[in-house]
Amino acid sequence: MSTVTGQHLATEMKLDEDVHRVAEFMQHNLSATKLVAVAEALPKVARLLWEGYSQEPCTPARLAVPKTDRERPSQSDAI
């Protein structure tokens, strides 16, 4: 999973690698003004385009609270 961290948030959004690749492709190949509209349109046509293929589960994103230095064991605690 790739990680996107907000500057003012205490959480990290971890994207599924395949979702990340699709998002990167879209960002490099579409106008910024169409990104959200195209992303919202995809679920409407996905089954029509790819229903014949087997399906795997996908968790597109999850939020995680990053560990602070206090939560990480020190080298003396790691033994």
PDB file of N, CA and C in Angstrom:
ATOM      1  N   MET A   1       0.832  -1.167   0.000  1.00  0.00           N
ATOM      2  CA  MET A   1       0.000   0.000   0.000  1.00  0.00           C
ATOM      3  C   MET A   1       0.879   1.233   0.000  1.00  0.00           C
ATOM      4  N   SER A   2       0.459   2.245  -0.713  1.00  0.00           N
ATOM      5  CA  SER A   2       1.181   3.501  -0.682  1.00  0.00           C
ATOM      6  C   SER A   2       0.573   4.387   0.386  1.00  0.00           C
ATOM      7  N   THR A   3       1.325   5.374   0.838  1.00  0.00           N
ATOM      8  CA  THR A   3       0.895   6.209   1.943  1.00  0.00           C
ATOM      9  C   THR A   3       0.813   7.655   1.521  1.00  0.00           C
ATOM     10  N   VAL A   4      -0.289   8.297   1.878  1.00  0.00           N
ATOM     11  CA  VAL A   4      -0.467   9.729   1.672  1.00  0.00           C
ATOM     12  C   VAL A   4      -0.663  10.326   3.043  1.00  0.00           C
ATOM     13  N   THR A   5       0.173  11.296   3.437  1.00  0.00           N
ATOM     14  CA  THR A   5       0.088  11.884   4.763  1.00  0.00           C
ATOM     15  C   THR A   5      -0.310  13.339   4.659  1.00  0.00           C
ATOM     16  N   GLY A   6      -1.331  13.725   5.405  1.00  0.00           N
ATOM     17  CA  GLY A   6      -1.741  15.124   5.457  1.00  0.00           C
ATOM     18  C   GLY A   6      -0.820  15.893   6.371  1.00  0.00           C
ATOM     19  N   GLN A   7      -0.550  17.158   6.039  1.00  0.00           N
ATOM     20  CA  GLN A   7       0.357  17.957   6.850  1.00  0.00           C
ATOM     21  C   GLN A   7      -0.209  18.229   8.238  1.00  0.00           C
ATOM     22  N   HIS A   8      -1.503  18.411   8.349  1.00  0.00           N
ATOM     23  CA  HIS A   8      -2.101  18.802   9.613  1.00  0.00           C
ATOM     24  C   HIS A   8      -2.924  17.678  10.228  1.00  0.00           C
ATOM     25  N   LEU A   9      -2.858  16.489   9.677  1.00  0.00           N
ATOM     26  CA  LEU A   9      -3.620  15.371  10.194  1.00  0.00           C
ATOM     27  C   LEU A   9      -2.712  14.429  10.956  1.00  0.00           C
ATOM     28  N   ALA A  10      -3.273  13.783  11.942  1.00  0.00           N
ATOM     29  CA  ALA A  10      -2.506  12.804  12.699  1.00  0.00           C
ATOM     30  C   ALA A  10      -2.755  11.401  12.162  1.00  0.00           C
ATOM     31  N   THR A  11      -3.293  11.306  10.955  1.00  0.00           N
ATOM     32  CA  THR A  11      -3.553  10.001  10.355  1.00  0.00           C
ATOM     33  C   THR A  11      -2.885   9.913   8.997  1.00  0.00           C
ATOM     34  N   GLU A  12      -2.726   8.697   8.535  1.00  0.00           N
ATOM     35  CA  GLU A  12      -2.206   8.434   7.193  1.00  0.00           C
ATOM     36  C   GLU A  12      -3.283   7.704   6.413  1.00  0.00           C
ATOM     37  N   MET A  13      -3.426   8.044   5.130  1.00  0.00           N
ATOM     38  CA  MET A  13      -4.328   7.309   4.269  1.00  0.00           C
ATOM     39  C   MET A  13      -3.470   6.355   3.450  1.00  0.00           C
ATOM     40  N   LYS A  14      -3.712   5.077   3.609  1.00  0.00           N
ATOM     41  CA  LYS A  14      -2.945   4.070   2.878  1.00  0.00           C
ATOM     42  C   LYS A  14      -3.812   3.567   1.732  1.00  0.00           C
ATOM     43  N   LEU A  15      -3.306   3.760   0.502  1.00  0.00           N
ATOM     44  CA  LEU A  15      -4.037   3.342  -0.690  1.00  0.00           C
ATOM     45  C   LEU A  15      -3.595   1.960  -1.141  1.00  0.00           C
ATOM     46  N   ASP A  16      -4.546   1.181  -1.616  1.00  0.00           N
ATOM     47  CA  ASP A  16      -4.238  -0.077  -2.270  1.00  0.00           C
ATOM     48  C   ASP A  16      -3.317   0.239  -3.456  1.00  0.00           C
ATOM     49  N   GLU A  17      -2.323  -0.590  -3.714  1.00  0.00           N
ATOM     50  CA  GLU A  17      -1.351  -0.322  -4.789  1.00  0.00           C
ATOM     51  C   GLU A  17      -2.015  -0.190  -6.152  1.00  0.00           C
ATOM     52  N   ASP A  18      -3.003  -1.036  -6.449  1.00  0.00           N
ATOM     53  CA  ASP A  18      -3.688  -0.942  -7.745  1.00  0.00           C
ATOM     54  C   ASP A  18      -4.483   0.355  -7.844  1.00  0.00           C
ATOM     55  N   VAL A  19      -5.144   0.737  -6.764  1.00  0.00           N
ATOM     56  CA  VAL A  19      -5.889   2.002  -6.740  1.00  0.00           C
ATOM     57  C   VAL A  19      -4.918   3.158  -6.941  1.00  0.00           C
ATOM     58  N   HIS A  20      -3.763   3.072  -6.305  1.00  0.00           N
ATOM     59  CA  HIS A  20      -2.752   4.119  -6.438  1.00  0.00           C
ATOM     60  C   HIS A  20      -2.280   4.239  -7.894  1.00  0.00           C
ATOM     61  N   ARG A  21      -2.049   3.099  -8.550  1.00  0.00           N
ATOM     62  CA  ARG A  21      -1.599   3.133  -9.953  1.00  0.00           C
ATOM     63  C   ARG A  21      -2.656   3.755 -10.865  1.00  0.00           C
ATOM     64  N   VAL A  22      -3.932   3.405 -10.631  1.00  0.00           N
ATOM     65  CA  VAL A  22      -5.009   3.985 -11.448  1.00  0.00           C
ATOM     66  C   VAL A  22      -5.104   5.490 -11.197  1.00  0.00           C
ATOM     67  N   ALA A  23      -5.007   5.896  -9.942  1.00  0.00           N
ATOM     68  CA  ALA A  23      -5.072   7.322  -9.610  1.00  0.00           C
ATOM     69  C   ALA A  23      -3.906   8.086 -10.251  1.00  0.00           C
ATOM     70  N   GLU A  24      -2.711   7.511 -10.195  1.00  0.00           N
ATOM     71  CA  GLU A  24      -1.540   8.145 -10.822  1.00  0.00           C
ATOM     72  C   GLU A  24      -1.737   8.266 -12.332  1.00  0.00           C
ATOM     73  N   PHE A  25      -2.228   7.201 -12.970  1.00  0.00           N
ATOM     74  CA  PHE A  25      -2.490   7.235 -14.407  1.00  0.00           C
ATOM     75  C   PHE A  25      -3.476   8.347 -14.737  1.00  0.00           C
ATOM     76  N   MET A  26      -4.563   8.403 -13.975  1.00  0.00           N
ATOM     77  CA  MET A  26      -5.580   9.426 -14.230  1.00  0.00           C
ATOM     78  C   MET A  26      -5.000  10.819 -14.054  1.00  0.00           C
ATOM     79  N   GLN A  27      -4.216  11.009 -13.003  1.00  0.00           N
ATOM     80  CA  GLN A  27      -3.646  12.324 -12.714  1.00  0.00           C
ATOM     81  C   GLN A  27      -2.695  12.789 -13.821  1.00  0.00           C
ATOM     82  N   HIS A  28      -1.991  11.853 -14.442  1.00  0.00           N
ATOM     83  CA  HIS A  28      -1.051  12.213 -15.500  1.00  0.00           C
ATOM     84  C   HIS A  28      -1.700  12.316 -16.876  1.00  0.00           C
ATOM     85  N   ASN A  29      -2.893  11.749 -17.060  1.00  0.00           N
ATOM     86  CA  ASN A  29      -3.492  11.673 -18.385  1.00  0.00           C
ATOM     87  C   ASN A  29      -4.821  12.398 -18.546  1.00  0.00           C
ATOM     88  N   LEU A  30      -5.351  12.963 -17.478  1.00  0.00           N
ATOM     89  CA  LEU A  30      -6.622  13.674 -17.566  1.00  0.00           C
ATOM     90  C   LEU A  30      -6.462  15.104 -17.077  1.00  0.00           C
ATOM     91  N   SER A  31      -7.327  15.943 -17.557  1.00  0.00           N
ATOM     92  CA  SER A  31      -7.367  17.317 -17.068  1.00  0.00           C
ATOM     93  C   SER A  31      -7.789  17.300 -15.601  1.00  0.00           C
ATOM     94  N   ALA A  32      -7.195  18.151 -14.803  1.00  0.00           N
ATOM     95  CA  ALA A  32      -7.529  18.220 -13.377  1.00  0.00           C
ATOM     96  C   ALA A  32      -9.011  18.505 -13.166  1.00  0.00           C
ATOM     97  N   THR A  33      -9.618  19.200 -14.101  1.00  0.00           N
ATOM     98  CA  THR A  33     -11.034  19.538 -13.969  1.00  0.00           C
ATOM     99  C   THR A  33     -11.948  18.348 -14.212  1.00  0.00           C
ATOM    100  N   LYS A  34     -11.411  17.239 -14.733  1.00  0.00           N
ATOM    101  CA  LYS A  34     -12.237  16.064 -15.023  1.00  0.00           C
ATOM    102  C   LYS A  34     -11.951  14.874 -14.108  1.00  0.00           C
ATOM    103  N   LEU A  35     -10.949  14.956 -13.252  1.00  0.00           N
ATOM    104  CA  LEU A  35     -10.550  13.813 -12.430  1.00  0.00           C
ATOM    105  C   LEU A  35     -11.699  13.254 -11.592  1.00  0.00           C
ATOM    106  N   VAL A  36     -12.392  14.102 -10.861  1.00  0.00           N
ATOM    107  CA  VAL A  36     -13.465  13.626  -9.985  1.00  0.00           C
ATOM    108  C   VAL A  36     -14.624  13.080 -10.813  1.00  0.00           C
ATOM    109  N   ALA A  37     -14.993  13.762 -11.872  1.00  0.00           N
ATOM    110  CA  ALA A  37     -16.110  13.310 -12.705  1.00  0.00           C
ATOM    111  C   ALA A  37     -15.819  11.944 -13.326  1.00  0.00           C
ATOM    112  N   VAL A  38     -14.611  11.737 -13.801  1.00  0.00           N
ATOM    113  CA  VAL A  38     -14.248  10.448 -14.401  1.00  0.00           C
ATOM    114  C   VAL A  38     -14.220   9.359 -13.320  1.00  0.00           C
ATOM    115  N   ALA A  39     -13.638   9.661 -12.155  1.00  0.00           N
ATOM    116  CA  ALA A  39     -13.586   8.685 -11.067  1.00  0.00           C
ATOM    117  C   ALA A  39     -14.991   8.290 -10.630  1.00  0.00           C
ATOM    118  N   GLU A  40     -15.904   9.231 -10.586  1.00  0.00           N
ATOM    119  CA  GLU A  40     -17.289   8.927 -10.199  1.00  0.00           C
ATOM    120  C   GLU A  40     -18.033   8.159 -11.284  1.00  0.00           C
ATOM    121  N   ALA A  41     -17.648   8.320 -12.535  1.00  0.00           N
ATOM    122  CA  ALA A  41     -18.315   7.628 -13.642  1.00  0.00           C
ATOM    123  C   ALA A  41     -17.868   6.169 -13.769  1.00  0.00           C
ATOM    124  N   LEU A  42     -16.665   5.853 -13.330  1.00  0.00           N
ATOM    125  CA  LEU A  42     -16.136   4.497 -13.489  1.00  0.00           C
ATOM    126  C   LEU A  42     -17.006   3.403 -12.870  1.00  0.00           C
ATOM    127  N   PRO A  43     -17.501   3.545 -11.650  1.00  0.00           N
ATOM    128  CA  PRO A  43     -18.340   2.469 -11.105  1.00  0.00           C
ATOM    129  C   PRO A  43     -19.606   2.218 -11.926  1.00  0.00           C
ATOM    130  N   LYS A  44     -20.075   3.233 -12.616  1.00  0.00           N
ATOM    131  CA  LYS A  44     -21.297   3.092 -13.420  1.00  0.00           C
ATOM    132  C   LYS A  44     -21.074   2.226 -14.654  1.00  0.00           C
ATOM    133  N   VAL A  45     -19.840   2.160 -15.148  1.00  0.00           N
ATOM    134  CA  VAL A  45     -19.570   1.374 -16.355  1.00  0.00           C
ATOM    135  C   VAL A  45     -18.682   0.155 -16.105  1.00  0.00           C
ATOM    136  N   ALA A  46     -18.121   0.043 -14.905  1.00  0.00           N
ATOM    137  CA  ALA A  46     -17.175  -1.035 -14.613  1.00  0.00           C
ATOM    138  C   ALA A  46     -17.777  -2.419 -14.844  1.00  0.00           C
ATOM    139  N   ARG A  47     -18.967  -2.665 -14.340  1.00  0.00           N
ATOM    140  CA  ARG A  47     -19.596  -3.982 -14.523  1.00  0.00           C
ATOM    141  C   ARG A  47     -19.868  -4.249 -15.997  1.00  0.00           C
ATOM    142  N   LEU A  48     -20.269  -3.259 -16.739  1.00  0.00           N
ATOM    143  CA  LEU A  48     -20.511  -3.453 -18.171  1.00  0.00           C
ATOM    144  C   LEU A  48     -19.227  -3.825 -18.905  1.00  0.00           C
ATOM    145  N   LEU A  49     -18.135  -3.183 -18.538  1.00  0.00           N
ATOM    146  CA  LEU A  49     -16.861  -3.409 -19.210  1.00  0.00           C
ATOM    147  C   LEU A  49     -16.174  -4.706 -18.792  1.00  0.00           C
ATOM    148  N   TRP A  50     -16.228  -5.034 -17.490  1.00  0.00           N
ATOM    149  CA  TRP A  50     -15.389  -6.107 -16.977  1.00  0.00           C
ATOM    150  C   TRP A  50     -16.134  -7.189 -16.199  1.00  0.00           C
ATOM    151  N   GLU A  51     -17.446  -7.291 -16.345  1.00  0.00           N
ATOM    152  CA  GLU A  51     -18.213  -8.265 -15.573  1.00  0.00           C
ATOM    153  C   GLU A  51     -17.802  -9.708 -15.874  1.00  0.00           C
ATOM    154  N   GLY A  52     -17.303  -9.978 -17.061  1.00  0.00           N
ATOM    155  CA  GLY A  52     -16.917 -11.329 -17.450  1.00  0.00           C
ATOM    156  C   GLY A  52     -15.658 -11.848 -16.784  1.00  0.00           C
ATOM    157  N   TYR A  53     -14.909 -10.989 -16.122  1.00  0.00           N
ATOM    158  CA  TYR A  53     -13.676 -11.396 -15.454  1.00  0.00           C
ATOM    159  C   TYR A  53     -13.953 -11.781 -14.003  1.00  0.00           C
ATOM    160  N   SER A  54     -13.130 -12.666 -13.463  1.00  0.00           N
ATOM    161  CA  SER A  54     -13.280 -12.994 -12.044  1.00  0.00           C
ATOM    162  C   SER A  54     -12.957 -11.755 -11.211  1.00  0.00           C
ATOM    163  N   GLN A  55     -13.524 -11.693 -10.046  1.00  0.00           N
ATOM    164  CA  GLN A  55     -13.392 -10.507  -9.185  1.00  0.00           C
ATOM    165  C   GLN A  55     -12.547 -10.830  -7.958  1.00  0.00           C
ATOM    166  N   GLU A  56     -11.693  -9.921  -7.572  1.00  0.00           N
ATOM    167  CA  GLU A  56     -10.926 -10.016  -6.332  1.00  0.00           C
ATOM    168  C   GLU A  56     -11.363  -8.872  -5.426  1.00  0.00           C
ATOM    169  N   PRO A  57     -11.381  -9.089  -4.126  1.00  0.00           N
ATOM    170  CA  PRO A  57     -11.748  -7.988  -3.227  1.00  0.00           C
ATOM    171  C   PRO A  57     -10.681  -6.896  -3.245  1.00  0.00           C
ATOM    172  N   CYS A  58     -11.104  -5.695  -2.980  1.00  0.00           N
ATOM    173  CA  CYS A  58     -10.183  -4.546  -2.943  1.00  0.00           C
ATOM    174  C   CYS A  58     -10.623  -3.611  -1.837  1.00  0.00           C
ATOM    175  N   THR A  59      -9.701  -3.267  -0.977  1.00  0.00           N
ATOM    176  CA  THR A  59      -9.938  -2.231   0.016  1.00  0.00           C
ATOM    177  C   THR A  59      -9.205  -1.000  -0.489  1.00  0.00           C
ATOM    178  N   PRO A  60      -9.923  -0.062  -1.114  1.00  0.00           N
ATOM    179  CA  PRO A  60      -9.260   1.038  -1.814  1.00  0.00           C
ATOM    180  C   PRO A  60      -8.386   1.911  -0.931  1.00  0.00           C
ATOM    181  N   ALA A  61      -8.831   2.175   0.296  1.00  0.00           N
ATOM    182  CA  ALA A  61      -8.042   3.031   1.177  1.00  0.00           C
ATOM    183  C   ALA A  61      -8.401   2.718   2.616  1.00  0.00           C
ATOM    184  N   ARG A  62      -7.447   3.002   3.486  1.00  0.00           N
ATOM    185  CA  ARG A  62      -7.718   2.886   4.918  1.00  0.00           C
ATOM    186  C   ARG A  62      -6.928   3.960   5.640  1.00  0.00           C
ATOM    187  N   LEU A  63      -7.442   4.368   6.770  1.00  0.00           N
ATOM    188  CA  LEU A  63      -6.762   5.369   7.585  1.00  0.00           C
ATOM    189  C   LEU A  63      -6.001   4.669   8.694  1.00  0.00           C
ATOM    190  N   ALA A  64      -4.812   5.145   8.955  1.00  0.00           N
ATOM    191  CA  ALA A  64      -3.990   4.577  10.014  1.00  0.00           C
ATOM    192  C   ALA A  64      -3.368   5.711  10.812  1.00  0.00           C
ATOM    193  N   VAL A  65      -3.302   5.530  12.105  1.00  0.00           N
ATOM    194  CA  VAL A  65      -2.637   6.506  12.966  1.00  0.00           C
ATOM    195  C   VAL A  65      -1.177   6.111  13.024  1.00  0.00           C
ATOM    196  N   PRO A  66      -0.280   7.007  12.561  1.00  0.00           N
ATOM    197  CA  PRO A  66       1.144   6.660  12.592  1.00  0.00           C
ATOM    198  C   PRO A  66       1.650   6.549  14.027  1.00  0.00           C
ATOM    199  N   LYS A  67       2.594   5.652  14.234  1.00  0.00           N
ATOM    200  CA  LYS A  67       3.180   5.483  15.562  1.00  0.00           C
ATOM    201  C   LYS A  67       4.084   6.673  15.871  1.00  0.00           C
ATOM    202  N   THR A  68       4.036   7.113  17.103  1.00  0.00           N
ATOM    203  CA  THR A  68       4.930   8.181  17.534  1.00  0.00           C
ATOM    204  C   THR A  68       6.211   7.548  18.048  1.00  0.00           C
ATOM    205  N   ASP A  69       7.227   8.371  18.291  1.00  0.00           N
ATOM    206  CA  ASP A  69       8.499   7.848  18.804  1.00  0.00           C
ATOM    207  C   ASP A  69       8.313   7.186  20.158  1.00  0.00           C
ATOM    208  N   ARG A  70       7.349   7.656  20.941  1.00  0.00           N
ATOM    209  CA  ARG A  70       7.100   7.052  22.244  1.00  0.00           C
ATOM    210  C   ARG A  70       6.581   5.623  22.117  1.00  0.00           C
ATOM    211  N   GLU A  71       5.824   5.353  21.044  1.00  0.00           N
ATOM    212  CA  GLU A  71       5.233   4.035  20.855  1.00  0.00           C
ATOM    213  C   GLU A  71       6.228   3.034  20.262  1.00  0.00           C
ATOM    214  N   ARG A  72       7.288   3.531  19.667  1.00  0.00           N
ATOM    215  CA  ARG A  72       8.295   2.646  19.083  1.00  0.00           C
ATOM    216  C   ARG A  72       9.268   2.229  20.190  1.00  0.00           C
ATOM    217  N   PRO A  73       9.630   0.965  20.229  1.00  0.00           N
ATOM    218  CA  PRO A  73      10.580   0.546  21.279  1.00  0.00           C
ATOM    219  C   PRO A  73      11.959   1.144  21.007  1.00  0.00           C
ATOM    220  N   SER A  74      12.605   1.546  22.070  1.00  0.00           N
ATOM    221  CA  SER A  74      13.973   2.019  21.909  1.00  0.00           C
ATOM    222  C   SER A  74      14.860   0.804  21.666  1.00  0.00           C
ATOM    223  N   GLN A  75      16.101   1.037  21.286  1.00  0.00           N
ATOM    224  CA  GLN A  75      16.984  -0.093  21.019  1.00  0.00           C
ATOM    225  C   GLN A  75      17.195  -0.922  22.275  1.00  0.00           C
ATOM    226  N   SER A  76      17.216  -0.282  23.420  1.00  0.00           N
ATOM    227  CA  SER A  76      17.400  -1.058  24.656  1.00  0.00           C
ATOM    228  C   SER A  76      16.157  -1.872  24.965  1.00  0.00           C
ATOM    229  N   ASP A  77      14.959  -1.392  24.553  1.00  0.00           N
ATOM    230  CA  ASP A  77      13.719  -2.139  24.792  1.00  0.00           C
ATOM    231  C   ASP A  77      13.538  -3.262  23.778  1.00  0.00           C
ATOM    232  N   ALA A  78      14.198  -3.182  22.646  1.00  0.00           N
ATOM    233  CA  ALA A  78      13.987  -4.139  21.572  1.00  0.00           C
ATOM    234  C   ALA A  78      14.636  -5.484  21.828  1.00  0.00           C
ATOM    235  N   ILE A  79      15.509  -5.593  22.791  1.00  0.00           N
ATOM    236  CA  ILE A  79      16.242  -6.851  23.059  1.00  0.00           C
ATOM    237  C   ILE A  79      15.407  -7.850  23.759  1.00  0.00           C
TER     238      ILE A  79
END
